[in-house]
C-alpha atoms as a PDB file:
ATOM      1  CA  MET A   1     -13.048   1.366  58.823  1.00  0.00           C
ATOM      2  CA  ASN A   2     -11.352   0.715  55.903  1.00  0.00           C
ATOM      3  CA  ARG A   3     -13.619   1.897  52.829  1.00  0.00           C
ATOM      4  CA  ASP A   4     -13.073  -1.043  51.114  1.00  0.00           C
ATOM      5  CA  GLN A   5     -14.068  -3.116  54.023  1.00  0.00           C
ATOM      6  CA  GLY A   6     -18.216  -2.916  54.840  1.00  0.00           C
ATOM      7  CA  GLN A   7     -21.239  -3.443  52.401  1.00  0.00           C
ATOM      8  CA  HIS A   8     -21.260  -1.365  49.139  1.00  0.00           C
ATOM      9  CA  TYR A   9     -24.850  -0.439  47.304  1.00  0.00           C
ATOM     10  CA  GLY A  10     -24.633  -0.022  43.638  1.00  0.00           C
ATOM     11  CA  PRO A  11     -27.383   1.617  41.504  1.00  0.00           C
ATOM     12  CA  ASP A  12     -29.511  -1.614  41.123  1.00  0.00           C
ATOM     13  CA  GLN A  13     -29.020  -2.234  44.686  1.00  0.00           C
ATOM     14  CA  GLN A  14     -31.580  -1.337  47.104  1.00  0.00           C
ATOM     15  CA  ILE A  15     -30.828  -0.262  50.628  1.00  0.00           C
ATOM     16  CA  ASP A  16     -33.030  -1.376  53.765  1.00  0.00           C
ATOM     17  CA  VAL A  17     -35.198   1.820  54.762  1.00  0.00           C
ATOM     18  CA  GLU A  18     -36.206   0.177  58.020  1.00  0.00           C
ATOM     19  CA  GLU A  19     -32.403  -0.597  59.007  1.00  0.00           C
ATOM     20  CA  LEU A  20     -31.306   2.492  58.096  1.00  0.00           C
ATOM     21  CA  VAL A  21     -33.910   4.469  60.210  1.00  0.00           C
ATOM     22  CA  GLU A  22     -33.212   2.159  63.054  1.00  0.00           C
ATOM     23  CA  PHE A  23     -29.421   2.608  62.557  1.00  0.00           C
ATOM     24  CA  LEU A  24     -29.906   6.439  62.667  1.00  0.00           C
ATOM     25  CA  ALA A  25     -32.113   6.633  65.455  1.00  0.00           C
ATOM     26  CA  ARG A  26     -29.839   4.524  67.709  1.00  0.00           C
ATOM     27  CA  GLN A  27     -27.492   7.352  66.962  1.00  0.00           C
ATOM     28  CA  MET A  28     -29.433   9.906  68.293  1.00  0.00           C
ATOM     29  CA  VAL A  29     -30.645   8.241  71.837  1.00  0.00           C
ATOM     30  CA  ASP A  30     -29.134   7.447  75.043  1.00  0.00           C
ATOM     31  CA  GLU A  31     -30.532   3.930  75.108  1.00  0.00           C
ATOM     32  CA  PRO A  32     -30.079   2.462  71.880  1.00  0.00           C
ATOM     33  CA  GLU A  33     -31.639  -0.835  72.616  1.00  0.00           C
ATOM     34  CA  GLN A  34     -34.833   0.670  73.222  1.00  0.00           C
ATOM     35  CA  VAL A  35     -35.010   1.836  69.805  1.00  0.00           C
ATOM     36  CA  ARG A  36     -37.809  -0.133  67.660  1.00  0.00           C
ATOM     37  CA  VAL A  37     -38.826   0.807  63.767  1.00  0.00           C
ATOM     38  CA  HIS A  38     -41.656  -0.849  62.323  1.00  0.00           C
ATOM     39  CA  ARG A  39     -43.603  -0.397  59.186  1.00  0.00           C
ATOM     40  CA  GLN A  40     -47.389   0.329  59.179  1.00  0.00           C
ATOM     41  CA  GLY A  41     -48.498   0.794  55.600  1.00  0.00           C
ATOM     42  CA  GLN A  42     -46.576   3.587  53.895  1.00  0.00           C
ATOM     43  CA  THR A  43     -45.109   4.960  57.107  1.00  0.00           C
ATOM     44  CA  LEU A  44     -42.068   4.187  59.337  1.00  0.00           C
ATOM     45  CA  LEU A  45     -42.819   4.426  63.024  1.00  0.00           C
ATOM     46  CA  ILE A  46     -40.053   5.004  65.681  1.00  0.00           C
ATOM     47  CA  ARG A  47     -40.588   3.933  69.303  1.00  0.00           C
ATOM     48  CA  VAL A  48     -37.835   5.290  71.915  1.00  0.00           C
ATOM     49  CA  GLY A  49     -37.208   5.044  75.423  1.00  0.00           C
ATOM     50  CA  GLU A  50     -39.284   7.104  77.840  1.00  0.00           C
ATOM     51  CA  GLY A  51     -37.965  10.824  77.732  1.00  0.00           C
ATOM     52  CA  GLU A  52     -36.003  10.192  74.364  1.00  0.00           C
ATOM     53  CA  GLU A  53     -38.274  11.665  71.748  1.00  0.00           C
ATOM     54  CA  GLY A  54     -36.521  14.995  72.231  1.00  0.00           C
ATOM     55  CA  ARG A  55     -33.442  13.625  71.057  1.00  0.00           C
ATOM     56  CA  LEU A  56     -34.822  12.388  67.844  1.00  0.00           C
ATOM     57  CA  ILE A  57     -36.812  15.453  67.296  1.00  0.00           C
ATOM     58  CA  GLY A  58     -34.011  17.759  67.721  1.00  0.00           C
ATOM     59  CA  ARG A  59     -34.184  21.539  67.793  1.00  0.00           C
ATOM     60  CA  GLN A  60     -36.679  22.841  65.729  1.00  0.00           C
ATOM     61  CA  GLY A  61     -37.580  19.456  64.247  1.00  0.00           C
ATOM     62  CA  ARG A  62     -34.214  19.320  62.404  1.00  0.00           C
ATOM     63  CA  VAL A  63     -33.114  15.896  63.239  1.00  0.00           C
ATOM     64  CA  ILE A  64     -36.402  13.993  62.553  1.00  0.00           C
ATOM     65  CA  GLN A  65     -36.628  15.882  59.340  1.00  0.00           C
ATOM     66  CA  ALA A  66     -32.914  14.966  58.350  1.00  0.00           C
ATOM     67  CA  ILE A  67     -34.223  10.956  59.109  1.00  0.00           C
ATOM     68  CA  ARG A  68     -37.162  11.478  57.031  1.00  0.00           C
ATOM     69  CA  THR A  69     -34.808  12.899  54.082  1.00  0.00           C
ATOM     70  CA  LEU A  70     -32.595  10.059  53.848  1.00  0.00           C
ATOM     71  CA  ALA A  71     -35.281   7.655  54.419  1.00  0.00           C
ATOM     72  CA  ARG A  72     -37.003   9.080  51.264  1.00  0.00           C
ATOM     73  CA  SER A  73     -33.323   9.241  49.111  1.00  0.00           C
ATOM     74  CA  ALA A  74     -33.150   5.555  50.071  1.00  0.00           C
ATOM     75  CA  THR A  75     -36.548   4.821  48.397  1.00  0.00           C
ATOM     76  CA  PRO A  76     -38.041   4.379  44.980  1.00  0.00           C
ATOM     77  CA  PRO A  77     -38.640   8.246  43.339  1.00  0.00           C
ATOM     78  CA  ARG A  78     -42.481   7.483  43.457  1.00  0.00           C
ATOM     79  CA  SER A  79     -42.666   5.829  47.172  1.00  0.00           C
ATOM     80  CA  ARG A  80     -44.549   7.905  49.638  1.00  0.00           C
ATOM     81  CA  LEU A  81     -42.907   6.611  52.674  1.00  0.00           C
ATOM     82  CA  THR A  82     -43.228   9.113  55.569  1.00  0.00           C
ATOM     83  CA  VAL A  83     -41.176   8.587  59.108  1.00  0.00           C
ATOM     84  CA  ASP A  84     -43.085   9.630  62.354  1.00  0.00           C
ATOM     85  CA  LEU A  85     -42.482   8.863  65.980  1.00  0.00           C
ATOM     86  CA  ASP A  86     -44.727   6.048  67.530  1.00  0.00           C
ATOM     87  CA  GLY A  87     -46.317   6.832  70.890  1.00  0.00           C
ATOM     88  CA  PRO A  88     -48.941   8.899  72.294  1.00  0.00           C
ATOM     89  CA  ARG A  89     -48.448  12.228  71.407  1.00  0.00           C
ATOM     90  CA  SER A  90     -51.534  13.333  73.807  1.00  0.00           C
ATOM     91  CA  ALA A  91     -49.599  12.169  76.929  1.00  0.00           C
ATOM     92  CA  HIS A  92     -46.861  14.292  75.987  1.00  0.00           C
ATOM     93  CA  LYS A  93     -48.596  17.276  75.436  1.00  0.00           C
ATOM     94  CA  GLU A  94     -50.809  16.823  79.007  1.00  0.00           C
ATOM     95  CA  LYS A  95     -47.653  16.686  80.918  1.00  0.00           C
ATOM     96  CA  ARG A  96     -46.269  19.922  79.696  1.00  0.00           C
ATOM     97  CA  ARG A  97     -49.490  21.723  80.811  1.00  0.00           C
ATOM     98  CA  PRO A  98     -49.560  23.163  84.309  1.00  0.00           C
END
């Protein structure tokens, strides 16, 4: 894609953070059509297909941390936005136990 094509954001324009997070999450998983992002208060929750959580978390949490960093950089400085995975975490922990 040519640099002159597409959307440009200036200092007075805001990026839709939900769209940004959804785009990034879709790039990380095998089934991008199952990615859903919704806001709950000051938190953006990402839901992915079954078994895809690990791809979104990444090794030592690096992928999700990078998504959080990019999302925070696209919000106003005093905003307290957080990004997290949506879904029952306790169910995932129980699967790991023998």
